[in-house]
């Protein structure tokens, strides 16, 4: 098997959920995940916020309900940048996106002296797992050595709530520790070409891999492929 693909929080989480699904959709690309209505709406709102921050465009009427929380979380838009792509190579050096070992897109990034603010806008259910926030902090620390503190936030726009954590540069080793186990499994899957099937409540109705016996559309053979 080829060397591991570049990983992000979402792709590693997809692998952990079901290595076989990751193999079929991300590595072999036999199947394609189609975004649902919630995902499409989330993409639309993210695009609207990006335009508002980067170009000063007005938020469309159907998204203005989120405006107060967005501006409050950002503490104004001065100096903020939206949809910032950050990537590291396997030596933890900043690199180009297509040469990455790990990469991530921060929905909003803002600096104030030696402190940074990294925000992720959320439109789905509240899942206060801070792993993604830890990865954001790591990416910022490596890309901006002058930053000693990173304030991070999930802004749950649909519920007008937030999950916030602050990290300091001396925490870098501890931040990496939360990914060690998953990354070890990830590397071994590529090295040994072993991809477990991990059945869950999502299999029957939400998985694109219909070649798997746990899928609700399975009939003993592959019946749906993007090829």
C-alpha atoms as a PDB file:
ATOM      1  CA  UNK A   1       0.000   0.000   0.000  1.00  0.00           C
ATOM      2  CA  UNK A   2       1.157   3.562  -0.700  1.00  0.00           C
ATOM      3  CA  UNK A   3       2.310   5.908   2.030  1.00  0.00           C
ATOM      4  CA  UNK A   4      -0.426   7.446   4.207  1.00  0.00           C
ATOM      5  CA  UNK A   5      -2.462  10.244   2.693  1.00  0.00           C
ATOM      6  CA  UNK A   6      -2.246  13.702   4.254  1.00  0.00           C
ATOM      7  CA  UNK A   7      -4.593  13.857   7.210  1.00  0.00           C
ATOM      8  CA  UNK A   8      -6.848  16.473   8.732  1.00  0.00           C
ATOM      9  CA  UNK A   9      -9.092  16.286  11.779  1.00  0.00           C
ATOM     10  CA  UNK A  10     -12.105  15.273   9.676  1.00  0.00           C
ATOM     11  CA  UNK A  11     -10.273  12.662   7.599  1.00  0.00           C
ATOM     12  CA  UNK A  12      -8.629  11.079  10.657  1.00  0.00           C
ATOM     13  CA  UNK A  13     -11.993  11.017  12.398  1.00  0.00           C
ATOM     14  CA  UNK A  14     -13.498   9.333   9.339  1.00  0.00           C
ATOM     15  CA  UNK A  15     -10.753   6.696   9.482  1.00  0.00           C
ATOM     16  CA  UNK A  16     -11.279   6.064  13.195  1.00  0.00           C
ATOM     17  CA  UNK A  17     -15.047   5.698  12.671  1.00  0.00           C
ATOM     18  CA  UNK A  18     -14.536   2.982  10.035  1.00  0.00           C
ATOM     19  CA  UNK A  19     -11.190   2.215   8.362  1.00  0.00           C
ATOM     20  CA  UNK A  20     -12.924   0.259   5.598  1.00  0.00           C
ATOM     21  CA  UNK A  21     -15.162   3.210   4.717  1.00  0.00           C
ATOM     22  CA  UNK A  22     -12.090   5.452   4.641  1.00  0.00           C
ATOM     23  CA  UNK A  23     -10.326   2.997   2.311  1.00  0.00           C
ATOM     24  CA  UNK A  24     -13.248   2.816  -0.108  1.00  0.00           C
ATOM     25  CA  UNK A  25     -14.023   6.560  -0.206  1.00  0.00           C
ATOM     26  CA  UNK A  26     -10.655   8.266   0.328  1.00  0.00           C
ATOM     27  CA  UNK A  27      -7.970   5.842  -0.837  1.00  0.00           C
ATOM     28  CA  UNK A  28      -9.517   3.662  -3.551  1.00  0.00           C
ATOM     29  CA  UNK A  29     -12.278   6.174  -4.310  1.00  0.00           C
ATOM     30  CA  UNK A  30     -14.716   3.437  -5.263  1.00  0.00           C
ATOM     31  CA  UNK A  31     -17.509   5.366  -3.571  1.00  0.00           C
ATOM     32  CA  UNK A  32     -18.247   9.031  -2.992  1.00  0.00           C
ATOM     33  CA  UNK A  33     -19.832  10.626   0.047  1.00  0.00           C
ATOM     34  CA  UNK A  34     -22.656  12.890  -1.072  1.00  0.00           C
ATOM     35  CA  UNK A  35     -23.296  15.876   1.233  1.00  0.00           C
ATOM     36  CA  UNK A  36     -26.723  16.038   2.850  1.00  0.00           C
ATOM     37  CA  UNK A  37     -28.882  19.123   3.283  1.00  0.00           C
ATOM     38  CA  UNK A  38     -27.232  20.069   6.577  1.00  0.00           C
ATOM     39  CA  UNK A  39     -23.750  19.885   5.051  1.00  0.00           C
ATOM     40  CA  UNK A  40     -24.794  21.924   2.010  1.00  0.00           C
ATOM     41  CA  UNK A  41     -26.345  24.591   4.230  1.00  0.00           C
ATOM     42  CA  UNK A  42     -23.194  24.677   6.341  1.00  0.00           C
ATOM     43  CA  UNK A  43     -21.042  25.211   3.241  1.00  0.00           C
ATOM     44  CA  UNK A  44     -23.315  28.037   2.119  1.00  0.00           C
ATOM     45  CA  UNK A  45     -23.146  29.810   5.492  1.00  0.00           C
ATOM     46  CA  UNK A  46     -19.361  29.403   5.624  1.00  0.00           C
ATOM     47  CA  UNK A  47     -19.083  30.955   2.155  1.00  0.00           C
ATOM     48  CA  UNK A  48     -21.258  33.894   3.228  1.00  0.00           C
ATOM     49  CA  UNK A  49     -19.134  34.516   6.323  1.00  0.00           C
ATOM     50  CA  UNK A  50     -15.945  34.259   4.258  1.00  0.00           C
ATOM     51  CA  UNK A  51     -17.218  36.909   1.839  1.00  0.00           C
ATOM     52  CA  UNK A  52     -18.272  39.168   4.718  1.00  0.00           C
ATOM     53  CA  UNK A  53     -14.876  38.928   6.432  1.00  0.00           C
ATOM     54  CA  UNK A  54     -12.553  38.965   3.417  1.00  0.00           C
ATOM     55  CA  UNK A  55     -14.399  41.356   1.113  1.00  0.00           C
ATOM     56  CA  UNK A  56     -16.825  43.265   3.343  1.00  0.00           C
ATOM     57  CA  UNK A  57     -19.875  41.835   1.571  1.00  0.00           C
ATOM     58  CA  UNK A  58     -23.201  41.962   3.401  1.00  0.00           C
ATOM     59  CA  UNK A  59     -24.551  38.736   4.874  1.00  0.00           C
ATOM     60  CA  UNK A  60     -27.601  37.480   2.913  1.00  0.00           C
ATOM     61  CA  UNK A  61     -30.972  37.846   4.617  1.00  0.00           C
ATOM     62  CA  UNK A  62     -31.301  34.109   5.284  1.00  0.00           C
ATOM     63  CA  UNK A  63     -28.058  34.119   7.316  1.00  0.00           C
ATOM     64  CA  UNK A  64     -28.416  37.396   9.231  1.00  0.00           C
ATOM     65  CA  UNK A  65     -29.820  35.533  12.236  1.00  0.00           C
ATOM     66  CA  UNK A  66     -26.250  34.301  12.858  1.00  0.00           C
ATOM     67  CA  UNK A  67     -24.734  37.779  12.600  1.00  0.00           C
ATOM     68  CA  UNK A  68     -24.736  38.839  16.276  1.00  0.00           C
ATOM     69  CA  UNK A  69     -22.970  35.663  17.409  1.00  0.00           C
ATOM     70  CA  UNK A  70     -20.462  35.842  14.558  1.00  0.00           C
ATOM     71  CA  UNK A  71     -19.470  39.466  15.233  1.00  0.00           C
ATOM     72  CA  UNK A  72     -19.388  38.902  18.988  1.00  0.00           C
ATOM     73  CA  UNK A  73     -17.137  35.844  18.663  1.00  0.00           C
ATOM     74  CA  UNK A  74     -14.777  37.738  16.370  1.00  0.00           C
ATOM     75  CA  UNK A  75     -14.814  40.894  18.510  1.00  0.00           C
ATOM     76  CA  UNK A  76     -15.078  42.811  15.248  1.00  0.00           C
ATOM     77  CA  UNK A  77     -13.545  41.880  11.914  1.00  0.00           C
ATOM     78  CA  UNK A  78     -10.490  44.144  11.975  1.00  0.00           C
ATOM     79  CA  UNK A  79      -7.432  42.092  11.073  1.00  0.00           C
ATOM     80  CA  UNK A  80      -9.387  38.844  10.727  1.00  0.00           C
ATOM     81  CA  UNK A  81      -8.945  36.402   7.851  1.00  0.00           C
ATOM     82  CA  UNK A  82     -11.442  33.726   6.818  1.00  0.00           C
ATOM     83  CA  UNK A  83     -10.822  30.194   5.544  1.00  0.00           C
ATOM     84  CA  UNK A  84      -7.096  30.103   6.320  1.00  0.00           C
ATOM     85  CA  UNK A  85      -5.317  26.979   5.020  1.00  0.00           C
ATOM     86  CA  UNK A  86      -2.405  25.744   7.158  1.00  0.00           C
ATOM     87  CA  UNK A  87      -0.271  22.667   6.458  1.00  0.00           C
ATOM     88  CA  UNK A  88       2.743  20.933   8.032  1.00  0.00           C
ATOM     89  CA  UNK A  89       5.123  18.337   6.617  1.00  0.00           C
ATOM     90  CA  UNK A  90       6.309  15.292   8.578  1.00  0.00           C
ATOM     91  CA  UNK A  91       9.087  17.379  10.125  1.00  0.00           C
ATOM     92  CA  UNK A  92       6.505  19.776  11.568  1.00  0.00           C
ATOM     93  CA  UNK A  93       7.568  22.511   9.169  1.00  0.00           C
ATOM     94  CA  UNK A  94       5.009  24.743   7.415  1.00  0.00           C
ATOM     95  CA  UNK A  95       4.579  23.619   3.820  1.00  0.00           C
ATOM     96  CA  UNK A  96       2.406  23.874   0.734  1.00  0.00           C
ATOM     97  CA  UNK A  97      -1.052  22.290   0.906  1.00  0.00           C
ATOM     98  CA  UNK A  98      -0.302  19.497  -1.589  1.00  0.00           C
ATOM     99  CA  UNK A  99       2.914  18.513   0.224  1.00  0.00           C
ATOM    100  CA  UNK A 100       1.335  18.196   3.652  1.00  0.00           C
ATOM    101  CA  UNK A 101       1.529  15.501   6.286  1.00  0.00           C
ATOM    102  CA  UNK A 102      -1.247  17.233   8.236  1.00  0.00           C
ATOM    103  CA  UNK A 103      -3.431  20.160   7.219  1.00  0.00           C
ATOM    104  CA  UNK A 104      -6.470  22.099   8.264  1.00  0.00           C
ATOM    105  CA  UNK A 105      -8.665  25.035   7.319  1.00  0.00           C
ATOM    106  CA  UNK A 106      -9.400  27.509  10.094  1.00  0.00           C
ATOM    107  CA  UNK A 107     -12.697  29.282   9.452  1.00  0.00           C
ATOM    108  CA  UNK A 108     -11.472  32.500  11.017  1.00  0.00           C
ATOM    109  CA  UNK A 109      -8.032  33.518  12.263  1.00  0.00           C
ATOM    110  CA  UNK A 110      -7.159  36.759  14.015  1.00  0.00           C
ATOM    111  CA  UNK A 111      -4.030  38.028  15.800  1.00  0.00           C
ATOM    112  CA  UNK A 112      -3.395  40.433  18.651  1.00  0.00           C
ATOM    113  CA  UNK A 113       0.266  40.836  19.589  1.00  0.00           C
ATOM    114  CA  UNK A 114       1.381  37.325  20.686  1.00  0.00           C
ATOM    115  CA  UNK A 115      -2.149  35.904  20.902  1.00  0.00           C
ATOM    116  CA  UNK A 116      -4.288  34.328  18.175  1.00  0.00           C
ATOM    117  CA  UNK A 117      -7.992  33.602  17.872  1.00  0.00           C
ATOM    118  CA  UNK A 118      -9.049  30.558  15.816  1.00  0.00           C
ATOM    119  CA  UNK A 119     -12.767  30.000  15.230  1.00  0.00           C
ATOM    120  CA  UNK A 120     -14.709  27.166  13.623  1.00  0.00           C
ATOM    121  CA  UNK A 121     -18.331  27.884  12.673  1.00  0.00           C
ATOM    122  CA  UNK A 122     -20.630  24.930  13.341  1.00  0.00           C
ATOM    123  CA  UNK A 123     -24.127  24.382  11.942  1.00  0.00           C
ATOM    124  CA  UNK A 124     -24.781  20.816  13.137  1.00  0.00           C
ATOM    125  CA  UNK A 125     -25.404  19.166  16.485  1.00  0.00           C
ATOM    126  CA  UNK A 126     -23.289  20.207  19.446  1.00  0.00           C
ATOM    127  CA  UNK A 127     -20.339  17.836  19.858  1.00  0.00           C
ATOM    128  CA  UNK A 128     -17.926  19.453  22.303  1.00  0.00           C
ATOM    129  CA  UNK A 129     -14.913  17.283  21.410  1.00  0.00           C
ATOM    130  CA  UNK A 130     -11.944  19.624  21.618  1.00  0.00           C
ATOM    131  CA  UNK A 131      -9.537  17.540  19.506  1.00  0.00           C
ATOM    132  CA  UNK A 132     -10.128  19.732  16.473  1.00  0.00           C
ATOM    133  CA  UNK A 133      -9.467  22.848  18.540  1.00  0.00           C
ATOM    134  CA  UNK A 134      -6.182  21.335  19.713  1.00  0.00           C
ATOM    135  CA  UNK A 135      -5.157  20.710  16.109  1.00  0.00           C
ATOM    136  CA  UNK A 136      -6.004  24.313  15.212  1.00  0.00           C
ATOM    137  CA  UNK A 137      -3.760  25.507  18.032  1.00  0.00           C
ATOM    138  CA  UNK A 138      -0.907  23.281  16.874  1.00  0.00           C
ATOM    139  CA  UNK A 139      -1.144  24.528  13.288  1.00  0.00           C
ATOM    140  CA  UNK A 140      -1.095  28.138  14.467  1.00  0.00           C
ATOM    141  CA  UNK A 141       1.847  27.618  16.827  1.00  0.00           C
ATOM    142  CA  UNK A 142       3.994  26.070  14.075  1.00  0.00           C
ATOM    143  CA  UNK A 143       3.042  28.586  11.393  1.00  0.00           C
ATOM    144  CA  UNK A 144       3.330  31.648  13.603  1.00  0.00           C
ATOM    145  CA  UNK A 145       6.243  31.256  16.029  1.00  0.00           C
ATOM    146  CA  UNK A 146       5.525  34.664  17.526  1.00  0.00           C
ATOM    147  CA  UNK A 147       2.184  33.389  18.855  1.00  0.00           C
ATOM    148  CA  UNK A 148       2.370  32.187  22.471  1.00  0.00           C
ATOM    149  CA  UNK A 149      -1.356  31.840  23.164  1.00  0.00           C
ATOM    150  CA  UNK A 150      -4.133  30.524  20.919  1.00  0.00           C
ATOM    151  CA  UNK A 151      -7.763  31.059  21.877  1.00  0.00           C
ATOM    152  CA  UNK A 152      -9.997  28.594  20.035  1.00  0.00           C
ATOM    153  CA  UNK A 153     -13.735  28.331  19.654  1.00  0.00           C
ATOM    154  CA  UNK A 154     -16.500  26.221  18.162  1.00  0.00           C
ATOM    155  CA  UNK A 155     -19.375  28.622  17.527  1.00  0.00           C
ATOM    156  CA  UNK A 156     -22.593  26.591  17.387  1.00  0.00           C
ATOM    157  CA  UNK A 157     -24.579  29.081  15.333  1.00  0.00           C
ATOM    158  CA  UNK A 158     -27.827  27.133  15.264  1.00  0.00           C
ATOM    159  CA  UNK A 159     -27.936  26.969  19.060  1.00  0.00           C
ATOM    160  CA  UNK A 160     -26.272  30.305  19.932  1.00  0.00           C
ATOM    161  CA  UNK A 161     -23.710  28.473  22.066  1.00  0.00           C
ATOM    162  CA  UNK A 162     -19.965  27.995  21.965  1.00  0.00           C
ATOM    163  CA  UNK A 163     -17.173  25.658  23.117  1.00  0.00           C
ATOM    164  CA  UNK A 164     -13.961  27.537  23.862  1.00  0.00           C
ATOM    165  CA  UNK A 165     -10.472  26.539  24.952  1.00  0.00           C
ATOM    166  CA  UNK A 166      -7.206  28.430  25.295  1.00  0.00           C
ATOM    167  CA  UNK A 167      -3.812  26.829  24.727  1.00  0.00           C
ATOM    168  CA  UNK A 168      -0.252  27.998  25.364  1.00  0.00           C
ATOM    169  CA  UNK A 169       2.896  27.228  23.404  1.00  0.00           C
ATOM    170  CA  UNK A 170       4.374  25.123  26.216  1.00  0.00           C
ATOM    171  CA  UNK A 171       1.433  22.717  25.822  1.00  0.00           C
ATOM    172  CA  UNK A 172       2.507  21.583  22.337  1.00  0.00           C
ATOM    173  CA  UNK A 173       3.727  18.113  23.487  1.00  0.00           C
ATOM    174  CA  UNK A 174       0.483  17.469  25.382  1.00  0.00           C
ATOM    175  CA  UNK A 175      -1.611  18.606  22.422  1.00  0.00           C
ATOM    176  CA  UNK A 176       0.068  16.051  20.160  1.00  0.00           C
ATOM    177  CA  UNK A 177      -0.560  13.270  22.687  1.00  0.00           C
ATOM    178  CA  UNK A 178      -4.286  13.185  21.916  1.00  0.00           C
ATOM    179  CA  UNK A 179      -3.551  12.176  18.313  1.00  0.00           C
ATOM    180  CA  UNK A 180      -0.819   9.584  18.888  1.00  0.00           C
ATOM    181  CA  UNK A 181      -3.072   6.535  19.219  1.00  0.00           C
ATOM    182  CA  UNK A 182      -5.252   7.326  16.195  1.00  0.00           C
ATOM    183  CA  UNK A 183      -2.246   8.220  14.036  1.00  0.00           C
ATOM    184  CA  UNK A 184      -0.565   4.943  14.979  1.00  0.00           C
ATOM    185  CA  UNK A 185      -3.612   3.008  13.750  1.00  0.00           C
ATOM    186  CA  UNK A 186      -3.731   5.170  10.637  1.00  0.00           C
ATOM    187  CA  UNK A 187      -0.094   4.466   9.739  1.00  0.00           C
ATOM    188  CA  UNK A 188      -0.455   0.718  10.416  1.00  0.00           C
ATOM    189  CA  UNK A 189      -3.510   0.476   8.160  1.00  0.00           C
ATOM    190  CA  UNK A 190      -1.498   1.794   5.218  1.00  0.00           C
ATOM    191  CA  UNK A 191       1.598  -0.252   6.090  1.00  0.00           C
ATOM    192  CA  UNK A 192      -0.215  -3.582   6.456  1.00  0.00           C
ATOM    193  CA  UNK A 193      -3.102  -2.847   4.062  1.00  0.00           C
ATOM    194  CA  UNK A 194      -5.511  -3.844   6.814  1.00  0.00           C
ATOM    195  CA  UNK A 195      -8.785  -1.923   7.030  1.00  0.00           C
ATOM    196  CA  UNK A 196     -11.261  -2.943   9.691  1.00  0.00           C
ATOM    197  CA  UNK A 197     -15.017  -2.710   9.305  1.00  0.00           C
ATOM    198  CA  UNK A 198     -16.485  -0.995  12.358  1.00  0.00           C
ATOM    199  CA  UNK A 199     -20.290  -1.307  12.307  1.00  0.00           C
ATOM    200  CA  UNK A 200     -22.256   1.499  13.911  1.00  0.00           C
ATOM    201  CA  UNK A 201     -25.680   3.077  13.830  1.00  0.00           C
ATOM    202  CA  UNK A 202     -24.584   5.108  10.808  1.00  0.00           C
ATOM    203  CA  UNK A 203     -23.985   2.117   8.536  1.00  0.00           C
ATOM    204  CA  UNK A 204     -27.498   1.302   7.385  1.00  0.00           C
ATOM    205  CA  UNK A 205     -28.673   4.685   6.161  1.00  0.00           C
ATOM    206  CA  UNK A 206     -25.681   6.999   6.006  1.00  0.00           C
ATOM    207  CA  UNK A 207     -22.725   5.116   4.540  1.00  0.00           C
ATOM    208  CA  UNK A 208     -21.890   5.361   0.830  1.00  0.00           C
ATOM    209  CA  UNK A 209     -20.012   2.036   0.767  1.00  0.00           C
ATOM    210  CA  UNK A 210     -22.744  -0.323  -0.421  1.00  0.00           C
ATOM    211  CA  UNK A 211     -20.233  -3.129  -1.017  1.00  0.00           C
ATOM    212  CA  UNK A 212     -20.163  -3.638   2.772  1.00  0.00           C
ATOM    213  CA  UNK A 213     -22.555  -6.125   4.366  1.00  0.00           C
ATOM    214  CA  UNK A 214     -23.389  -3.653   7.134  1.00  0.00           C
ATOM    215  CA  UNK A 215     -24.769  -1.122   4.661  1.00  0.00           C
ATOM    216  CA  UNK A 216     -28.535  -0.866   4.253  1.00  0.00           C
ATOM    217  CA  UNK A 217     -28.180  -1.045   0.475  1.00  0.00           C
ATOM    218  CA  UNK A 218     -26.020  -4.175   0.430  1.00  0.00           C
ATOM    219  CA  UNK A 219     -27.287  -7.142  -1.623  1.00  0.00           C
ATOM    220  CA  UNK A 220     -24.231  -9.364  -1.582  1.00  0.00           C
ATOM    221  CA  UNK A 221     -22.317  -7.413  -4.192  1.00  0.00           C
ATOM    222  CA  UNK A 222     -21.227  -3.893  -4.992  1.00  0.00           C
ATOM    223  CA  UNK A 223     -24.313  -2.060  -6.229  1.00  0.00           C
ATOM    224  CA  UNK A 224     -23.271   1.565  -6.132  1.00  0.00           C
ATOM    225  CA  UNK A 225     -19.964   3.029  -7.180  1.00  0.00           C
ATOM    226  CA  UNK A 226     -18.722   6.393  -8.353  1.00  0.00           C
ATOM    227  CA  UNK A 227     -16.620   4.727 -11.064  1.00  0.00           C
END
